[in-house]
Amino acid sequence: MLKKLPEELSLDEKKVRRLAEEVAKDKKRTILVQAISNLRQRNPKGVAAALNNLAVAYKLVPGDGEKWGDRTEVLDLFSVYVSKVGMWWLCAFVVHVYTLSTTLFHPSHQEDNEAKQHNVAQVLGIDEAEAANLRELVKSGAVKVDAEVEEEAIF
């Protein structure tokens, strides 16, 4: 996109890339704060969206993972992200089976989700062993998104 768009708009590719990198660098901390805010507000969709944005910013400007004072919140962010991505895949699979459509969803989405999870773990400074442990906890149901906990409490 950073090559095609400047070419189509007759813009200097180097200037566009430099500007995009500056914006991404400035936004990384703000996006992390937004993700933490969504976590504290028990908004898992907001957490997932913010972490996707953070991963995109890191693709433009790679570097060390963002630092956050409370490591537990960082691990919670990743757990919520894994939960939301995993739930999307399950919903997509159910829709796929129900409609018997081969064009709506494809098994490559599972691979895409795993790649996204890997990228988000790197951005948050979570090593692969720790990420694998968190994935297993989410998969086993030991970690629940707060909205799920509240929903269960109602019944």
N, C-alpha and C. Protein backbone atom coordinates (compact mmCIF):
# COMPACT_ATOMS: atom_id res chain seq x y z
N MET A 1 0.81 -1.18 0.00
CA MET A 1 0.00 0.00 0.00
C MET A 1 0.87 1.26 0.00
N LEU A 2 1.98 1.23 0.72
CA LEU A 2 2.85 2.40 0.76
C LEU A 2 3.62 2.60 -0.54
N LYS A 3 3.54 1.66 -1.45
CA LYS A 3 4.16 1.83 -2.76
C LYS A 3 3.10 2.17 -3.80
N LYS A 4 2.00 1.46 -3.75
CA LYS A 4 0.96 1.61 -4.76
C LYS A 4 0.24 2.96 -4.64
N LEU A 5 -0.16 3.34 -3.43
CA LEU A 5 -0.92 4.56 -3.23
C LEU A 5 -0.15 5.82 -3.63
N PRO A 6 1.10 6.00 -3.18
CA PRO A 6 1.83 7.20 -3.61
C PRO A 6 2.00 7.26 -5.13
N GLU A 7 2.20 6.10 -5.73
CA GLU A 7 2.36 6.05 -7.18
C GLU A 7 1.08 6.51 -7.87
N GLU A 8 -0.07 6.01 -7.40
CA GLU A 8 -1.35 6.38 -7.99
C GLU A 8 -1.67 7.85 -7.79
N LEU A 9 -1.21 8.43 -6.69
CA LEU A 9 -1.50 9.83 -6.39
C LEU A 9 -0.37 10.77 -6.80
N SER A 10 0.65 10.21 -7.44
CA SER A 10 1.81 10.98 -7.89
C SER A 10 2.50 11.71 -6.73
N LEU A 11 2.71 10.96 -5.65
CA LEU A 11 3.40 11.50 -4.48
C LEU A 11 4.76 10.83 -4.34
N ASP A 12 5.66 11.51 -3.67
CA ASP A 12 6.99 10.96 -3.43
C ASP A 12 6.88 9.82 -2.42
N GLU A 13 7.26 8.63 -2.83
CA GLU A 13 7.12 7.43 -2.00
C GLU A 13 7.91 7.55 -0.69
N LYS A 14 9.10 8.11 -0.74
CA LYS A 14 9.92 8.24 0.46
C LYS A 14 9.29 9.18 1.47
N LYS A 15 8.71 10.27 1.00
CA LYS A 15 8.05 11.21 1.91
C LYS A 15 6.82 10.58 2.55
N VAL A 16 6.06 9.85 1.75
CA VAL A 16 4.85 9.19 2.26
C VAL A 16 5.23 8.16 3.31
N ARG A 17 6.26 7.37 3.04
CA ARG A 17 6.71 6.36 4.00
C ARG A 17 7.19 7.01 5.29
N ARG A 18 7.99 8.08 5.17
CA ARG A 18 8.50 8.77 6.35
C ARG A 18 7.35 9.34 7.19
N LEU A 19 6.36 9.93 6.53
CA LEU A 19 5.22 10.49 7.24
C LEU A 19 4.41 9.39 7.93
N ALA A 20 4.18 8.29 7.23
CA ALA A 20 3.43 7.16 7.81
C ALA A 20 4.17 6.59 9.02
N GLU A 21 5.49 6.50 8.94
CA GLU A 21 6.28 6.00 10.06
C GLU A 21 6.22 6.95 11.26
N GLU A 22 6.26 8.25 11.00
CA GLU A 22 6.17 9.22 12.09
C GLU A 22 4.83 9.13 12.80
N VAL A 23 3.76 9.04 12.02
CA VAL A 23 2.43 8.95 12.61
C VAL A 23 2.30 7.66 13.42
N ALA A 24 2.75 6.54 12.85
CA ALA A 24 2.66 5.26 13.55
C ALA A 24 3.47 5.29 14.85
N LYS A 25 4.66 5.87 14.80
CA LYS A 25 5.50 5.95 16.00
C LYS A 25 4.83 6.76 17.10
N ASP A 26 4.22 7.87 16.72
CA ASP A 26 3.53 8.72 17.69
C ASP A 26 2.29 8.04 18.27
N LYS A 27 1.63 7.22 17.49
CA LYS A 27 0.35 6.63 17.90
C LYS A 27 0.49 5.36 18.73
N LYS A 28 1.63 4.70 18.71
CA LYS A 28 1.76 3.40 19.38
C LYS A 28 1.41 3.47 20.87
N ARG A 29 1.93 4.43 21.57
CA ARG A 29 1.66 4.54 23.01
C ARG A 29 0.18 4.86 23.26
N THR A 30 -0.36 5.75 22.47
CA THR A 30 -1.77 6.12 22.60
C THR A 30 -2.67 4.92 22.38
N ILE A 31 -2.34 4.10 21.39
CA ILE A 31 -3.15 2.92 21.09
C ILE A 31 -3.08 1.92 22.24
N LEU A 32 -1.89 1.76 22.84
CA LEU A 32 -1.76 0.85 23.99
C LEU A 32 -2.61 1.35 25.16
N VAL A 33 -2.59 2.64 25.41
CA VAL A 33 -3.41 3.21 26.48
C VAL A 33 -4.89 2.97 26.18
N GLN A 34 -5.27 3.10 24.92
CA GLN A 34 -6.65 2.83 24.53
C GLN A 34 -7.01 1.37 24.78
N ALA A 35 -6.12 0.45 24.47
CA ALA A 35 -6.37 -0.97 24.72
C ALA A 35 -6.55 -1.24 26.21
N ILE A 36 -5.68 -0.66 27.04
CA ILE A 36 -5.79 -0.82 28.50
C ILE A 36 -7.10 -0.23 29.00
N SER A 37 -7.46 0.91 28.47
CA SER A 37 -8.73 1.55 28.85
C SER A 37 -9.91 0.64 28.52
N ASN A 38 -9.89 0.06 27.33
CA ASN A 38 -10.96 -0.88 26.93
C ASN A 38 -10.98 -2.11 27.83
N LEU A 39 -9.80 -2.57 28.23
CA LEU A 39 -9.72 -3.72 29.14
C LEU A 39 -10.37 -3.36 30.48
N ARG A 40 -10.05 -2.21 31.01
CA ARG A 40 -10.60 -1.79 32.29
C ARG A 40 -12.11 -1.54 32.23
N GLN A 41 -12.58 -1.17 31.04
CA GLN A 41 -14.01 -0.94 30.85
C GLN A 41 -14.76 -2.22 30.46
N ARG A 42 -14.02 -3.32 30.42
CA ARG A 42 -14.58 -4.63 30.07
C ARG A 42 -15.21 -4.62 28.68
N ASN A 43 -14.45 -4.07 27.74
CA ASN A 43 -14.88 -3.97 26.35
C ASN A 43 -13.94 -4.81 25.49
N PRO A 44 -14.19 -6.12 25.38
CA PRO A 44 -13.27 -6.99 24.65
C PRO A 44 -13.15 -6.67 23.16
N LYS A 45 -14.24 -6.21 22.54
CA LYS A 45 -14.15 -5.82 21.12
C LYS A 45 -13.22 -4.64 20.95
N GLY A 46 -13.30 -3.70 21.88
CA GLY A 46 -12.41 -2.54 21.84
C GLY A 46 -10.96 -2.93 22.04
N VAL A 47 -10.72 -3.89 22.94
CA VAL A 47 -9.36 -4.39 23.16
C VAL A 47 -8.82 -4.99 21.87
N ALA A 48 -9.61 -5.85 21.23
CA ALA A 48 -9.16 -6.50 20.00
C ALA A 48 -8.88 -5.49 18.90
N ALA A 49 -9.76 -4.51 18.75
CA ALA A 49 -9.57 -3.49 17.72
C ALA A 49 -8.31 -2.67 17.99
N ALA A 50 -8.11 -2.26 19.24
CA ALA A 50 -6.92 -1.47 19.58
C ALA A 50 -5.64 -2.28 19.35
N LEU A 51 -5.65 -3.56 19.73
CA LEU A 51 -4.45 -4.37 19.54
C LEU A 51 -4.18 -4.65 18.07
N ASN A 52 -5.23 -4.77 17.27
CA ASN A 52 -5.02 -4.89 15.81
C ASN A 52 -4.36 -3.62 15.27
N ASN A 53 -4.83 -2.46 15.73
CA ASN A 53 -4.24 -1.18 15.31
C ASN A 53 -2.79 -1.08 15.76
N LEU A 54 -2.52 -1.53 16.98
CA LEU A 54 -1.15 -1.50 17.50
C LEU A 54 -0.23 -2.39 16.66
N ALA A 55 -0.72 -3.56 16.28
CA ALA A 55 0.08 -4.47 15.46
C ALA A 55 0.39 -3.84 14.09
N VAL A 56 -0.58 -3.14 13.52
CA VAL A 56 -0.36 -2.46 12.24
C VAL A 56 0.70 -1.36 12.41
N ALA A 57 0.60 -0.61 13.49
CA ALA A 57 1.59 0.44 13.75
C ALA A 57 2.99 -0.15 13.86
N TYR A 58 3.11 -1.32 14.49
CA TYR A 58 4.41 -1.96 14.63
C TYR A 58 4.92 -2.54 13.32
N LYS A 59 4.02 -2.87 12.41
CA LYS A 59 4.48 -3.30 11.09
C LYS A 59 5.15 -2.14 10.36
N LEU A 60 4.59 -0.94 10.54
CA LEU A 60 5.18 0.23 9.91
C LEU A 60 6.47 0.66 10.58
N VAL A 61 6.48 0.60 11.92
CA VAL A 61 7.65 1.03 12.68
C VAL A 61 8.00 -0.06 13.69
N PRO A 62 8.75 -1.07 13.23
CA PRO A 62 9.13 -2.15 14.15
C PRO A 62 10.01 -1.62 15.28
N GLY A 63 9.97 -2.34 16.37
CA GLY A 63 10.80 -1.95 17.50
C GLY A 63 10.51 -2.88 18.66
N ASP A 64 10.99 -2.50 19.81
CA ASP A 64 10.70 -3.27 21.01
C ASP A 64 9.23 -3.12 21.35
N GLY A 65 8.71 -4.10 22.06
CA GLY A 65 7.32 -4.03 22.48
C GLY A 65 7.09 -2.85 23.40
N GLU A 66 5.86 -2.37 23.41
CA GLU A 66 5.50 -1.27 24.30
C GLU A 66 5.58 -1.74 25.74
N LYS A 67 6.04 -0.87 26.60
CA LYS A 67 6.16 -1.20 28.02
C LYS A 67 4.94 -0.65 28.76
N TRP A 68 4.45 -1.43 29.70
CA TRP A 68 3.34 -1.01 30.54
C TRP A 68 3.67 -1.41 31.96
N GLY A 69 3.38 -0.57 32.92
CA GLY A 69 3.77 -0.79 34.31
C GLY A 69 3.22 -2.05 34.94
N ASP A 70 2.01 -2.42 34.62
CA ASP A 70 1.36 -3.58 35.23
C ASP A 70 1.39 -4.75 34.26
N ARG A 71 2.30 -5.69 34.49
CA ARG A 71 2.46 -6.85 33.60
C ARG A 71 1.18 -7.69 33.53
N THR A 72 0.43 -7.74 34.62
CA THR A 72 -0.82 -8.50 34.64
C THR A 72 -1.80 -7.96 33.62
N GLU A 73 -1.87 -6.64 33.48
CA GLU A 73 -2.77 -6.05 32.49
C GLU A 73 -2.34 -6.39 31.07
N VAL A 74 -1.05 -6.45 30.84
CA VAL A 74 -0.55 -6.82 29.52
C VAL A 74 -0.95 -8.26 29.19
N LEU A 75 -0.79 -9.14 30.16
CA LEU A 75 -1.17 -10.54 29.95
C LEU A 75 -2.69 -10.67 29.76
N ASP A 76 -3.44 -9.86 30.50
CA ASP A 76 -4.89 -9.84 30.33
C ASP A 76 -5.28 -9.35 28.94
N LEU A 77 -4.57 -8.33 28.44
CA LEU A 77 -4.83 -7.85 27.08
C LEU A 77 -4.70 -8.98 26.08
N PHE A 78 -3.60 -9.71 26.18
CA PHE A 78 -3.36 -10.80 25.23
C PHE A 78 -4.42 -11.89 25.38
N SER A 79 -4.79 -12.21 26.60
CA SER A 79 -5.80 -13.25 26.84
C SER A 79 -7.14 -12.85 26.23
N VAL A 80 -7.52 -11.59 26.40
CA VAL A 80 -8.77 -11.11 25.81
C VAL A 80 -8.67 -11.15 24.30
N TYR A 81 -7.53 -10.77 23.76
CA TYR A 81 -7.33 -10.79 22.31
C TYR A 81 -7.48 -12.21 21.76
N VAL A 82 -6.82 -13.15 22.41
CA VAL A 82 -6.91 -14.56 21.98
C VAL A 82 -8.35 -15.04 22.06
N SER A 83 -9.03 -14.66 23.12
CA SER A 83 -10.42 -15.04 23.30
C SER A 83 -11.29 -14.49 22.18
N LYS A 84 -11.11 -13.23 21.83
CA LYS A 84 -11.93 -12.61 20.79
C LYS A 84 -11.61 -13.19 19.43
N VAL A 85 -10.35 -13.38 19.12
CA VAL A 85 -9.97 -13.95 17.83
C VAL A 85 -10.47 -15.38 17.73
N GLY A 86 -10.34 -16.14 18.81
CA GLY A 86 -10.80 -17.52 18.82
C GLY A 86 -12.30 -17.63 18.67
N MET A 87 -13.03 -16.71 19.32
CA MET A 87 -14.48 -16.72 19.22
C MET A 87 -14.92 -16.38 17.81
N TRP A 88 -14.21 -15.46 17.13
CA TRP A 88 -14.55 -15.13 15.75
C TRP A 88 -14.40 -16.36 14.87
N TRP A 89 -13.32 -17.10 15.06
CA TRP A 89 -13.10 -18.28 14.24
C TRP A 89 -14.20 -19.31 14.46
N LEU A 90 -14.62 -19.50 15.71
CA LEU A 90 -15.68 -20.44 16.00
C LEU A 90 -16.98 -20.00 15.34
N CYS A 91 -17.31 -18.72 15.45
CA CYS A 91 -18.53 -18.21 14.81
C CYS A 91 -18.45 -18.37 13.30
N ALA A 92 -17.29 -18.09 12.73
CA ALA A 92 -17.13 -18.23 11.28
C ALA A 92 -17.31 -19.68 10.87
N PHE A 93 -16.79 -20.61 11.67
CA PHE A 93 -16.92 -22.02 11.35
C PHE A 93 -18.39 -22.45 11.40
N VAL A 94 -19.11 -22.01 12.41
CA VAL A 94 -20.53 -22.36 12.53
C VAL A 94 -21.31 -21.81 11.34
N VAL A 95 -21.05 -20.57 10.97
CA VAL A 95 -21.73 -19.99 9.80
C VAL A 95 -21.37 -20.77 8.56
N HIS A 96 -20.11 -21.14 8.44
CA HIS A 96 -19.66 -21.90 7.27
C HIS A 96 -20.40 -23.24 7.19
N VAL A 97 -20.46 -23.96 8.27
CA VAL A 97 -21.13 -25.26 8.26
C VAL A 97 -22.62 -25.07 8.00
N TYR A 98 -23.21 -24.07 8.60
CA TYR A 98 -24.64 -23.84 8.46
C TYR A 98 -25.01 -23.50 7.02
N THR A 99 -24.23 -22.64 6.38
CA THR A 99 -24.56 -22.21 5.02
C THR A 99 -23.98 -23.13 3.96
N LEU A 100 -23.03 -23.98 4.37
CA LEU A 100 -22.35 -24.87 3.43
C LEU A 100 -21.74 -24.10 2.27
N SER A 101 -21.28 -22.91 2.56
CA SER A 101 -20.66 -22.08 1.54
C SER A 101 -19.15 -22.22 1.65
N THR A 102 -18.50 -22.44 0.53
CA THR A 102 -17.04 -22.58 0.54
C THR A 102 -16.36 -21.24 0.32
N THR A 103 -17.13 -20.21 -0.01
CA THR A 103 -16.50 -18.93 -0.30
C THR A 103 -16.51 -17.98 0.89
N LEU A 104 -17.40 -18.17 1.86
CA LEU A 104 -17.46 -17.24 2.98
C LEU A 104 -16.23 -17.29 3.86
N PHE A 105 -15.86 -18.48 4.27
CA PHE A 105 -14.74 -18.63 5.19
C PHE A 105 -13.82 -19.74 4.69
N HIS A 106 -12.61 -19.61 5.03
CA HIS A 106 -11.61 -20.55 4.54
C HIS A 106 -10.70 -20.94 5.70
N PRO A 107 -10.19 -22.16 5.73
CA PRO A 107 -9.30 -22.56 6.83
C PRO A 107 -8.08 -21.65 7.00
N SER A 108 -7.73 -20.91 5.97
CA SER A 108 -6.57 -20.02 6.10
C SER A 108 -6.83 -18.93 7.14
N HIS A 109 -8.12 -18.66 7.46
CA HIS A 109 -8.41 -17.67 8.50
C HIS A 109 -7.82 -18.10 9.84
N GLN A 110 -7.81 -19.41 10.11
CA GLN A 110 -7.22 -19.89 11.36
C GLN A 110 -5.73 -19.55 11.38
N GLU A 111 -5.06 -19.75 10.25
CA GLU A 111 -3.65 -19.41 10.17
C GLU A 111 -3.44 -17.91 10.32
N ASP A 112 -4.33 -17.12 9.70
CA ASP A 112 -4.25 -15.67 9.84
C ASP A 112 -4.39 -15.26 11.30
N ASN A 113 -5.33 -15.87 12.00
CA ASN A 113 -5.55 -15.55 13.41
C ASN A 113 -4.33 -15.91 14.25
N GLU A 114 -3.71 -17.05 13.96
CA GLU A 114 -2.51 -17.43 14.70
C GLU A 114 -1.38 -16.44 14.44
N ALA A 115 -1.26 -15.98 13.20
CA ALA A 115 -0.23 -14.99 12.87
C ALA A 115 -0.52 -13.67 13.58
N LYS A 116 -1.79 -13.27 13.63
CA LYS A 116 -2.15 -12.04 14.34
C LYS A 116 -1.82 -12.17 15.83
N GLN A 117 -2.15 -13.31 16.41
CA GLN A 117 -1.86 -13.53 17.82
C GLN A 117 -0.35 -13.46 18.07
N HIS A 118 0.41 -14.06 17.18
CA HIS A 118 1.87 -14.03 17.31
C HIS A 118 2.38 -12.59 17.26
N ASN A 119 1.86 -11.80 16.30
CA ASN A 119 2.29 -10.41 16.17
C ASN A 119 1.93 -9.59 17.40
N VAL A 120 0.71 -9.78 17.90
CA VAL A 120 0.27 -9.04 19.08
C VAL A 120 1.12 -9.42 20.30
N ALA A 121 1.44 -10.70 20.43
CA ALA A 121 2.30 -11.13 21.54
C ALA A 121 3.65 -10.43 21.47
N GLN A 122 4.23 -10.34 20.28
CA GLN A 122 5.51 -9.66 20.12
C GLN A 122 5.40 -8.18 20.49
N VAL A 123 4.34 -7.55 20.01
CA VAL A 123 4.13 -6.13 20.28
C VAL A 123 4.02 -5.87 21.79
N LEU A 124 3.36 -6.80 22.49
CA LEU A 124 3.18 -6.63 23.93
C LEU A 124 4.37 -7.12 24.74
N GLY A 125 5.38 -7.67 24.08
CA GLY A 125 6.57 -8.14 24.77
C GLY A 125 6.35 -9.47 25.49
N ILE A 126 5.47 -10.30 24.95
CA ILE A 126 5.17 -11.61 25.54
C ILE A 126 5.91 -12.67 24.73
N ASP A 127 6.74 -13.47 25.40
CA ASP A 127 7.49 -14.49 24.67
C ASP A 127 6.56 -15.63 24.25
N GLU A 128 7.03 -16.45 23.34
CA GLU A 128 6.19 -17.49 22.74
C GLU A 128 5.71 -18.52 23.75
N ALA A 129 6.55 -18.88 24.72
CA ALA A 129 6.14 -19.87 25.73
C ALA A 129 5.00 -19.31 26.59
N GLU A 130 5.14 -18.07 26.98
CA GLU A 130 4.11 -17.44 27.79
C GLU A 130 2.81 -17.28 26.98
N ALA A 131 2.94 -16.92 25.71
CA ALA A 131 1.78 -16.78 24.84
C ALA A 131 1.07 -18.13 24.67
N ALA A 132 1.84 -19.19 24.50
CA ALA A 132 1.26 -20.52 24.36
C ALA A 132 0.49 -20.92 25.63
N ASN A 133 1.06 -20.61 26.79
CA ASN A 133 0.37 -20.90 28.06
C ASN A 133 -0.95 -20.14 28.15
N LEU A 134 -0.93 -18.87 27.78
CA LEU A 134 -2.16 -18.06 27.82
C LEU A 134 -3.20 -18.59 26.84
N ARG A 135 -2.75 -19.00 25.64
CA ARG A 135 -3.68 -19.58 24.66
C ARG A 135 -4.36 -20.83 25.22
N GLU A 136 -3.57 -21.65 25.88
CA GLU A 136 -4.14 -22.88 26.47
C GLU A 136 -5.13 -22.57 27.58
N LEU A 137 -4.81 -21.58 28.40
CA LEU A 137 -5.73 -21.18 29.46
C LEU A 137 -7.06 -20.68 28.88
N VAL A 138 -6.98 -19.88 27.83
CA VAL A 138 -8.19 -19.37 27.19
C VAL A 138 -8.97 -20.52 26.56
N LYS A 139 -8.25 -21.40 25.88
CA LYS A 139 -8.89 -22.54 25.20
C LYS A 139 -9.59 -23.46 26.21
N SER A 140 -8.98 -23.62 27.37
CA SER A 140 -9.56 -24.52 28.39
C SER A 140 -10.76 -23.89 29.10
N GLY A 141 -10.93 -22.59 28.92
CA GLY A 141 -12.04 -21.91 29.58
C GLY A 141 -11.67 -21.36 30.94
N ALA A 142 -10.41 -21.52 31.34
CA ALA A 142 -9.97 -21.03 32.64
C ALA A 142 -9.94 -19.50 32.68
N VAL A 143 -9.74 -18.88 31.53
CA VAL A 143 -9.75 -17.43 31.43
C VAL A 143 -11.01 -17.03 30.69
N LYS A 144 -11.79 -16.17 31.31
CA LYS A 144 -13.02 -15.71 30.66
C LYS A 144 -12.98 -14.20 30.54
N VAL A 145 -13.54 -13.74 29.44
CA VAL A 145 -13.67 -12.31 29.24
C VAL A 145 -14.71 -11.81 30.22
N ASP A 146 -14.49 -10.64 30.79
CA ASP A 146 -15.39 -10.10 31.82
C ASP A 146 -16.84 -10.08 31.38
N ALA A 147 -17.10 -9.79 30.11
CA ALA A 147 -18.48 -9.76 29.62
C ALA A 147 -19.12 -11.14 29.77
N GLU A 148 -18.34 -12.20 29.56
CA GLU A 148 -18.85 -13.56 29.72
C GLU A 148 -19.15 -13.84 31.18
N VAL A 149 -18.28 -13.37 32.08
CA VAL A 149 -18.47 -13.58 33.50
C VAL A 149 -19.75 -12.88 33.96
N GLU A 150 -19.94 -11.62 33.52
CA GLU A 150 -21.14 -10.88 33.87
C GLU A 150 -22.40 -11.57 33.33
N GLU A 151 -22.32 -12.08 32.10
CA GLU A 151 -23.46 -12.76 31.49
C GLU A 151 -23.84 -14.00 32.28
N GLU A 152 -22.84 -14.76 32.72
CA GLU A 152 -23.11 -15.96 33.51
C GLU A 152 -23.70 -15.59 34.86
N ALA A 153 -23.27 -14.48 35.43
CA ALA A 153 -23.77 -14.06 36.76
C ALA A 153 -25.26 -13.71 36.72
N ILE A 154 -25.75 -13.29 35.58
CA ILE A 154 -27.15 -12.94 35.45
C ILE A 154 -28.02 -14.16 35.61
N PHE A 155 -27.57 -15.29 35.11
CA PHE A 155 -28.38 -16.51 35.16
C PHE A 155 -28.00 -17.30 36.34
